């Protein structure tokens, strides 16, 4: 699993299992949770995110910008946005 999304998934899981939240809030959280899971199963997107993390750690601003654009373009084509 892409560890950068683990916190998001945990938070969303709490929301869609909270009976005190409205049905609308729980449904949105559940849909978002499933959307993130779908993205995590996408090997190309996961690899792009790993490259972005490594470039950010290396403080390579040009690579960060380029990879960010790749992620946005790929996400748009794959229907994640």
PDB file of N, CA and C in Angstrom:
ATOM      1  N   UNK A   1       0.844  -1.178   0.000  1.00  0.00           N
ATOM      2  CA  UNK A   1       0.000   0.000   0.000  1.00  0.00           C
ATOM      3  C   UNK A   1       0.883   1.232   0.000  1.00  0.00           C
ATOM      4  N   UNK A   2       0.432   2.244  -0.678  1.00  0.00           N
ATOM      5  CA  UNK A   2       1.108   3.530  -0.706  1.00  0.00           C
ATOM      6  C   UNK A   2       0.921   4.178   0.675  1.00  0.00           C
ATOM      7  N   UNK A   3       1.973   4.208   1.467  1.00  0.00           N
ATOM      8  CA  UNK A   3       1.873   4.664   2.856  1.00  0.00           C
ATOM      9  C   UNK A   3       1.423   6.110   2.979  1.00  0.00           C
ATOM     10  N   UNK A   4       1.550   6.892   1.918  1.00  0.00           N
ATOM     11  CA  UNK A   4       1.153   8.297   2.012  1.00  0.00           C
ATOM     12  C   UNK A   4      -0.360   8.447   2.075  1.00  0.00           C
ATOM     13  N   UNK A   5      -1.102   7.429   1.676  1.00  0.00           N
ATOM     14  CA  UNK A   5      -2.562   7.508   1.698  1.00  0.00           C
ATOM     15  C   UNK A   5      -3.180   6.798   2.897  1.00  0.00           C
ATOM     16  N   UNK A   6      -2.359   6.162   3.702  1.00  0.00           N
ATOM     17  CA  UNK A   6      -2.872   5.390   4.830  1.00  0.00           C
ATOM     18  C   UNK A   6      -3.682   6.249   5.803  1.00  0.00           C
ATOM     19  N   UNK A   7      -3.203   7.439   6.092  1.00  0.00           N
ATOM     20  CA  UNK A   7      -3.926   8.343   6.993  1.00  0.00           C
ATOM     21  C   UNK A   7      -5.266   8.761   6.420  1.00  0.00           C
ATOM     22  N   UNK A   8      -5.295   9.026   5.111  1.00  0.00           N
ATOM     23  CA  UNK A   8      -6.556   9.385   4.450  1.00  0.00           C
ATOM     24  C   UNK A   8      -7.568   8.249   4.557  1.00  0.00           C
ATOM     25  N   UNK A   9      -7.100   7.033   4.279  1.00  0.00           N
ATOM     26  CA  UNK A   9      -8.001   5.880   4.339  1.00  0.00           C
ATOM     27  C   UNK A   9      -8.523   5.639   5.749  1.00  0.00           C
ATOM     28  N   UNK A  10      -7.674   5.801   6.733  1.00  0.00           N
ATOM     29  CA  UNK A  10      -8.092   5.611   8.131  1.00  0.00           C
ATOM     30  C   UNK A  10      -9.159   6.626   8.514  1.00  0.00           C
ATOM     31  N   UNK A  11      -8.922   7.878   8.169  1.00  0.00           N
ATOM     32  CA  UNK A  11      -9.884   8.941   8.495  1.00  0.00           C
ATOM     33  C   UNK A  11     -11.219   8.712   7.796  1.00  0.00           C
ATOM     34  N   UNK A  12     -11.176   8.357   6.518  1.00  0.00           N
ATOM     35  CA  UNK A  12     -12.406   8.103   5.767  1.00  0.00           C
ATOM     36  C   UNK A  12     -13.152   6.888   6.315  1.00  0.00           C
ATOM     37  N   UNK A  13     -12.414   5.867   6.705  1.00  0.00           N
ATOM     38  CA  UNK A  13     -13.037   4.660   7.266  1.00  0.00           C
ATOM     39  C   UNK A  13     -13.816   5.006   8.534  1.00  0.00           C
ATOM     40  N   UNK A  14     -13.249   5.871   9.364  1.00  0.00           N
ATOM     41  CA  UNK A  14     -13.939   6.286  10.589  1.00  0.00           C
ATOM     42  C   UNK A  14     -15.218   7.039  10.264  1.00  0.00           C
ATOM     43  N   UNK A  15     -15.178   7.881   9.238  1.00  0.00           N
ATOM     44  CA  UNK A  15     -16.356   8.673   8.876  1.00  0.00           C
ATOM     45  C   UNK A  15     -17.468   7.780   8.344  1.00  0.00           C
ATOM     46  N   UNK A  16     -17.157   6.876   7.411  1.00  0.00           N
ATOM     47  CA  UNK A  16     -18.255   6.104   6.837  1.00  0.00           C
ATOM     48  C   UNK A  16     -18.749   4.983   7.748  1.00  0.00           C
ATOM     49  N   UNK A  17     -18.078   4.762   8.875  1.00  0.00           N
ATOM     50  CA  UNK A  17     -18.581   3.817   9.874  1.00  0.00           C
ATOM     51  C   UNK A  17     -19.174   4.513  11.094  1.00  0.00           C
ATOM     52  N   UNK A  18     -19.261   5.844  11.059  1.00  0.00           N
ATOM     53  CA  UNK A  18     -19.795   6.616  12.178  1.00  0.00           C
ATOM     54  C   UNK A  18     -21.308   6.793  12.004  1.00  0.00           C
ATOM     55  N   UNK A  19     -22.111   6.144  12.866  1.00  0.00           N
ATOM     56  CA  UNK A  19     -23.570   6.253  12.715  1.00  0.00           C
ATOM     57  C   UNK A  19     -24.110   7.651  13.026  1.00  0.00           C
ATOM     58  N   UNK A  20     -23.291   8.498  13.646  1.00  0.00           N
ATOM     59  CA  UNK A  20     -23.738   9.852  13.959  1.00  0.00           C
ATOM     60  C   UNK A  20     -23.633  10.800  12.769  1.00  0.00           C
ATOM     61  N   UNK A  21     -22.908  10.383  11.736  1.00  0.00           N
ATOM     62  CA  UNK A  21     -22.780  11.207  10.526  1.00  0.00           C
ATOM     63  C   UNK A  21     -24.008  10.990   9.656  1.00  0.00           C
ATOM     64  N   UNK A  22     -24.321  11.989   8.840  1.00  0.00           N
ATOM     65  CA  UNK A  22     -25.463  11.858   7.936  1.00  0.00           C
ATOM     66  C   UNK A  22     -25.172  10.816   6.865  1.00  0.00           C
ATOM     67  N   UNK A  23     -26.226  10.313   6.272  1.00  0.00           N
ATOM     68  CA  UNK A  23     -26.062   9.310   5.221  1.00  0.00           C
ATOM     69  C   UNK A  23     -25.264   9.891   4.056  1.00  0.00           C
ATOM     70  N   UNK A  24     -25.466  11.152   3.762  1.00  0.00           N
ATOM     71  CA  UNK A  24     -24.736  11.823   2.680  1.00  0.00           C
ATOM     72  C   UNK A  24     -23.230  11.867   2.978  1.00  0.00           C
ATOM     73  N   UNK A  25     -22.863  12.269   4.192  1.00  0.00           N
ATOM     74  CA  UNK A  25     -21.447  12.321   4.570  1.00  0.00           C
ATOM     75  C   UNK A  25     -20.804  10.940   4.513  1.00  0.00           C
ATOM     76  N   UNK A  26     -21.519   9.931   5.013  1.00  0.00           N
ATOM     77  CA  UNK A  26     -20.980   8.574   5.004  1.00  0.00           C
ATOM     78  C   UNK A  26     -20.808   8.062   3.571  1.00  0.00           C
ATOM     79  N   UNK A  27     -21.760   8.378   2.710  1.00  0.00           N
ATOM     80  CA  UNK A  27     -21.670   7.937   1.313  1.00  0.00           C
ATOM     81  C   UNK A  27     -20.495   8.613   0.607  1.00  0.00           C
ATOM     82  N   UNK A  28     -20.327   9.917   0.817  1.00  0.00           N
ATOM     83  CA  UNK A  28     -19.194  10.626   0.211  1.00  0.00           C
ATOM     84  C   UNK A  28     -17.865  10.042   0.699  1.00  0.00           C
ATOM     85  N   UNK A  29     -17.782   9.767   1.989  1.00  0.00           N
ATOM     86  CA  UNK A  29     -16.554   9.191   2.544  1.00  0.00           C
ATOM     87  C   UNK A  29     -16.301   7.805   1.955  1.00  0.00           C
ATOM     88  N   UNK A  30     -17.347   7.025   1.822  1.00  0.00           N
ATOM     89  CA  UNK A  30     -17.205   5.676   1.264  1.00  0.00           C
ATOM     90  C   UNK A  30     -16.778   5.738  -0.207  1.00  0.00           C
ATOM     91  N   UNK A  31     -17.386   6.626  -0.967  1.00  0.00           N
ATOM     92  CA  UNK A  31     -17.011   6.784  -2.381  1.00  0.00           C
ATOM     93  C   UNK A  31     -15.562   7.231  -2.528  1.00  0.00           C
ATOM     94  N   UNK A  32     -15.146   8.175  -1.689  1.00  0.00           N
ATOM     95  CA  UNK A  32     -13.768   8.654  -1.726  1.00  0.00           C
ATOM     96  C   UNK A  32     -12.800   7.550  -1.321  1.00  0.00           C
ATOM     97  N   UNK A  33     -13.167   6.772  -0.312  1.00  0.00           N
ATOM     98  CA  UNK A  33     -12.363   5.642   0.142  1.00  0.00           C
ATOM     99  C   UNK A  33     -12.138   4.668  -1.017  1.00  0.00           C
ATOM    100  N   UNK A  34     -13.214   4.323  -1.720  1.00  0.00           N
ATOM    101  CA  UNK A  34     -13.106   3.395  -2.847  1.00  0.00           C
ATOM    102  C   UNK A  34     -12.302   3.984  -3.998  1.00  0.00           C
ATOM    103  N   UNK A  35     -12.419   5.276  -4.207  1.00  0.00           N
ATOM    104  CA  UNK A  35     -11.648   5.944  -5.257  1.00  0.00           C
ATOM    105  C   UNK A  35     -10.145   5.856  -4.951  1.00  0.00           C
ATOM    106  N   UNK A  36      -9.781   6.078  -3.703  1.00  0.00           N
ATOM    107  CA  UNK A  36      -8.372   5.981  -3.305  1.00  0.00           C
ATOM    108  C   UNK A  36      -7.873   4.542  -3.458  1.00  0.00           C
ATOM    109  N   UNK A  37      -8.701   3.567  -3.068  1.00  0.00           N
ATOM    110  CA  UNK A  37      -8.303   2.163  -3.237  1.00  0.00           C
ATOM    111  C   UNK A  37      -8.064   1.835  -4.708  1.00  0.00           C
ATOM    112  N   UNK A  38      -8.914   2.359  -5.577  1.00  0.00           N
ATOM    113  CA  UNK A  38      -8.745   2.136  -7.014  1.00  0.00           C
ATOM    114  C   UNK A  38      -7.427   2.735  -7.498  1.00  0.00           C
ATOM    115  N   UNK A  39      -7.097   3.908  -6.985  1.00  0.00           N
ATOM    116  CA  UNK A  39      -5.838   4.547  -7.364  1.00  0.00           C
ATOM    117  C   UNK A  39      -4.645   3.754  -6.845  1.00  0.00           C
ATOM    118  N   UNK A  40      -4.754   3.186  -5.652  1.00  0.00           N
ATOM    119  CA  UNK A  40      -3.655   2.416  -5.074  1.00  0.00           C
ATOM    120  C   UNK A  40      -3.366   1.156  -5.872  1.00  0.00           C
ATOM    121  N   UNK A  41      -4.376   0.621  -6.522  1.00  0.00           N
ATOM    122  CA  UNK A  41      -4.188  -0.580  -7.339  1.00  0.00           C
ATOM    123  C   UNK A  41      -3.588  -0.263  -8.705  1.00  0.00           C
ATOM    124  N   UNK A  42      -3.543   1.010  -9.047  1.00  0.00           N
ATOM    125  CA  UNK A  42      -2.984   1.449 -10.326  1.00  0.00           C
ATOM    126  C   UNK A  42      -1.463   1.519 -10.197  1.00  0.00           C
ATOM    127  N   UNK A  43      -0.783   0.574 -10.812  1.00  0.00           N
ATOM    128  CA  UNK A  43       0.674   0.480 -10.664  1.00  0.00           C
ATOM    129  C   UNK A  43       1.394   1.693 -11.229  1.00  0.00           C
ATOM    130  N   UNK A  44       0.936   2.215 -12.353  1.00  0.00           N
ATOM    131  CA  UNK A  44       1.599   3.382 -12.961  1.00  0.00           C
ATOM    132  C   UNK A  44       1.484   4.597 -12.043  1.00  0.00           C
ATOM    133  N   UNK A  45       0.290   4.852 -11.526  1.00  0.00           N
ATOM    134  CA  UNK A  45       0.093   5.995 -10.635  1.00  0.00           C
ATOM    135  C   UNK A  45       0.907   5.837  -9.355  1.00  0.00           C
ATOM    136  N   UNK A  46       0.935   4.630  -8.806  1.00  0.00           N
ATOM    137  CA  UNK A  46       1.720   4.373  -7.597  1.00  0.00           C
ATOM    138  C   UNK A  46       3.202   4.634  -7.845  1.00  0.00           C
ATOM    139  N   UNK A  47       3.702   4.201  -8.994  1.00  0.00           N
ATOM    140  CA  UNK A  47       5.109   4.439  -9.317  1.00  0.00           C
ATOM    141  C   UNK A  47       5.390   5.929  -9.503  1.00  0.00           C
ATOM    142  N   UNK A  48       4.479   6.659 -10.134  1.00  0.00           N
ATOM    143  CA  UNK A  48       4.659   8.109 -10.286  1.00  0.00           C
ATOM    144  C   UNK A  48       4.712   8.788  -8.917  1.00  0.00           C
ATOM    145  N   UNK A  49       3.838   8.372  -8.009  1.00  0.00           N
ATOM    146  CA  UNK A  49       3.840   8.951  -6.663  1.00  0.00           C
ATOM    147  C   UNK A  49       5.139   8.644  -5.929  1.00  0.00           C
ATOM    148  N   UNK A  50       5.655   7.419  -6.094  1.00  0.00           N
ATOM    149  CA  UNK A  50       6.940   7.078  -5.457  1.00  0.00           C
ATOM    150  C   UNK A  50       8.072   7.922  -6.025  1.00  0.00           C
ATOM    151  N   UNK A  51       8.076   8.118  -7.345  1.00  0.00           N
ATOM    152  CA  UNK A  51       9.094   8.958  -7.969  1.00  0.00           C
ATOM    153  C   UNK A  51       8.997  10.393  -7.442  1.00  0.00           C
ATOM    154  N   UNK A  52       7.771  10.886  -7.262  1.00  0.00           N
ATOM    155  CA  UNK A  52       7.572  12.236  -6.743  1.00  0.00           C
ATOM    156  C   UNK A  52       8.123  12.358  -5.325  1.00  0.00           C
ATOM    157  N   UNK A  53       7.881  11.367  -4.500  1.00  0.00           N
ATOM    158  CA  UNK A  53       8.390  11.377  -3.125  1.00  0.00           C
ATOM    159  C   UNK A  53       9.918  11.389  -3.133  1.00  0.00           C
ATOM    160  N   UNK A  54      10.519  10.522  -3.965  1.00  0.00           N
ATOM    161  CA  UNK A  54      11.982  10.472  -4.033  1.00  0.00           C
ATOM    162  C   UNK A  54      12.564  11.787  -4.546  1.00  0.00           C
ATOM    163  N   UNK A  55      11.931  12.393  -5.544  1.00  0.00           N
ATOM    164  CA  UNK A  55      12.414  13.671  -6.078  1.00  0.00           C
ATOM    165  C   UNK A  55      12.293  14.771  -5.028  1.00  0.00           C
ATOM    166  N   UNK A  56      11.220  14.722  -4.265  1.00  0.00           N
ATOM    167  CA  UNK A  56      11.021  15.720  -3.219  1.00  0.00           C
ATOM    168  C   UNK A  56      12.075  15.570  -2.128  1.00  0.00           C
ATOM    169  N   UNK A  57      12.374  14.341  -1.741  1.00  0.00           N
ATOM    170  CA  UNK A  57      13.407  14.089  -0.735  1.00  0.00           C
ATOM    171  C   UNK A  57      14.768  14.563  -1.244  1.00  0.00           C
ATOM    172  N   UNK A  58      15.021  14.341  -2.540  1.00  0.00           N
ATOM    173  CA  UNK A  58      16.294  14.750  -3.137  1.00  0.00           C
ATOM    174  C   UNK A  58      16.346  16.257  -3.396  1.00  0.00           C
ATOM    175  N   UNK A  59      15.236  16.945  -3.140  1.00  0.00           N
ATOM    176  CA  UNK A  59      15.155  18.395  -3.324  1.00  0.00           C
ATOM    177  C   UNK A  59      15.404  18.791  -4.782  1.00  0.00           C
ATOM    178  N   UNK A  60      14.903  17.967  -5.709  1.00  0.00           N
ATOM    179  CA  UNK A  60      15.038  18.213  -7.139  1.00  0.00           C
ATOM    180  C   UNK A  60      13.751  18.881  -7.633  1.00  0.00           C
ATOM    181  N   UNK A  61      13.729  20.207  -7.598  1.00  0.00           N
ATOM    182  CA  UNK A  61      12.520  20.958  -7.934  1.00  0.00           C
ATOM    183  C   UNK A  61      12.055  20.741  -9.367  1.00  0.00           C
ATOM    184  N   UNK A  62      12.979  20.621 -10.296  1.00  0.00           N
ATOM    185  CA  UNK A  62      12.600  20.404 -11.701  1.00  0.00           C
ATOM    186  C   UNK A  62      11.903  19.057 -11.868  1.00  0.00           C
ATOM    187  N   UNK A  63      12.434  18.028 -11.231  1.00  0.00           N
ATOM    188  CA  UNK A  63      11.822  16.703 -11.317  1.00  0.00           C
ATOM    189  C   UNK A  63      10.467  16.685 -10.620  1.00  0.00           C
ATOM    190  N   UNK A  64      10.358  17.367  -9.493  1.00  0.00           N
ATOM    191  CA  UNK A  64       9.083  17.438  -8.770  1.00  0.00           C
ATOM    192  C   UNK A  64       8.021  18.060  -9.665  1.00  0.00           C
ATOM    193  N   UNK A  65       8.359  19.154 -10.323  1.00  0.00           N
ATOM    194  CA  UNK A  65       7.413  19.839 -11.209  1.00  0.00           C
ATOM    195  C   UNK A  65       7.008  18.930 -12.371  1.00  0.00           C
ATOM    196  N   UNK A  66       7.977  18.277 -12.980  1.00  0.00           N
ATOM    197  CA  UNK A  66       7.705  17.412 -14.131  1.00  0.00           C
ATOM    198  C   UNK A  66       6.829  16.216 -13.730  1.00  0.00           C
ATOM    199  N   UNK A  67       7.157  15.574 -12.612  1.00  0.00           N
ATOM    200  CA  UNK A  67       6.405  14.404 -12.166  1.00  0.00           C
ATOM    201  C   UNK A  67       4.998  14.803 -11.723  1.00  0.00           C
ATOM    202  N   UNK A  68       4.877  15.958 -11.102  1.00  0.00           N
ATOM    203  CA  UNK A  68       3.557  16.450 -10.701  1.00  0.00           C
ATOM    204  C   UNK A  68       2.669  16.625 -11.925  1.00  0.00           C
ATOM    205  N   UNK A  69       3.220  17.192 -12.980  1.00  0.00           N
ATOM    206  CA  UNK A  69       2.454  17.347 -14.223  1.00  0.00           C
ATOM    207  C   UNK A  69       2.082  15.991 -14.813  1.00  0.00           C
ATOM    208  N   UNK A  70       2.997  15.033 -14.755  1.00  0.00           N
ATOM    209  CA  UNK A  70       2.703  13.678 -15.245  1.00  0.00           C
ATOM    210  C   UNK A  70       1.553  13.060 -14.461  1.00  0.00           C
ATOM    211  N   UNK A  71       1.573  13.246 -13.153  1.00  0.00           N
ATOM    212  CA  UNK A  71       0.516  12.689 -12.303  1.00  0.00           C
ATOM    213  C   UNK A  71      -0.822  13.326 -12.643  1.00  0.00           C
ATOM    214  N   UNK A  72      -0.843  14.641 -12.797  1.00  0.00           N
ATOM    215  CA  UNK A  72      -2.093  15.332 -13.134  1.00  0.00           C
ATOM    216  C   UNK A  72      -2.635  14.856 -14.480  1.00  0.00           C
ATOM    217  N   UNK A  73      -1.763  14.757 -15.455  1.00  0.00           N
ATOM    218  CA  UNK A  73      -2.183  14.326 -16.785  1.00  0.00           C
ATOM    219  C   UNK A  73      -2.671  12.880 -16.755  1.00  0.00           C
ATOM    220  N   UNK A  74      -1.926  12.003 -16.114  1.00  0.00           N
ATOM    221  CA  UNK A  74      -2.319  10.602 -16.042  1.00  0.00           C
ATOM    222  C   UNK A  74      -3.636  10.448 -15.273  1.00  0.00           C
ATOM    223  N   UNK A  75      -3.786  11.173 -14.179  1.00  0.00           N
ATOM    224  CA  UNK A  75      -5.014  11.107 -13.386  1.00  0.00           C
ATOM    225  C   UNK A  75      -6.213  11.579 -14.189  1.00  0.00           C
ATOM    226  N   UNK A  76      -6.016  12.618 -14.974  1.00  0.00           N
ATOM    227  CA  UNK A  76      -7.107  13.131 -15.814  1.00  0.00           C
ATOM    228  C   UNK A  76      -7.506  12.083 -16.850  1.00  0.00           C
ATOM    229  N   UNK A  77      -6.515  11.484 -17.526  1.00  0.00           N
ATOM    230  CA  UNK A  77      -6.804  10.480 -18.552  1.00  0.00           C
ATOM    231  C   UNK A  77      -7.438   9.221 -17.961  1.00  0.00           C
ATOM    232  N   UNK A  78      -7.035   8.860 -16.743  1.00  0.00           N
ATOM    233  CA  UNK A  78      -7.538   7.652 -16.114  1.00  0.00           C
ATOM    234  C   UNK A  78      -8.898   7.874 -15.442  1.00  0.00           C
ATOM    235  N   UNK A  79      -9.340   9.121 -15.376  1.00  0.00           N
ATOM    236  CA  UNK A  79     -10.654   9.429 -14.802  1.00  0.00           C
ATOM    237  C   UNK A  79     -10.672   9.548 -13.301  1.00  0.00           C
ATOM    238  N   UNK A  80      -9.530   9.810 -12.701  1.00  0.00           N
ATOM    239  CA  UNK A  80      -9.471   9.952 -11.247  1.00  0.00           C
ATOM    240  C   UNK A  80      -9.883  11.334 -10.762  1.00  0.00           C
ATOM    241  N   UNK A  81      -9.931  12.293 -11.613  1.00  0.00           N
ATOM    242  CA  UNK A  81     -10.278  13.657 -11.201  1.00  0.00           C
ATOM    243  C   UNK A  81     -11.668  14.004 -11.608  1.00  0.00           C
TER     244      UNK A  81
END
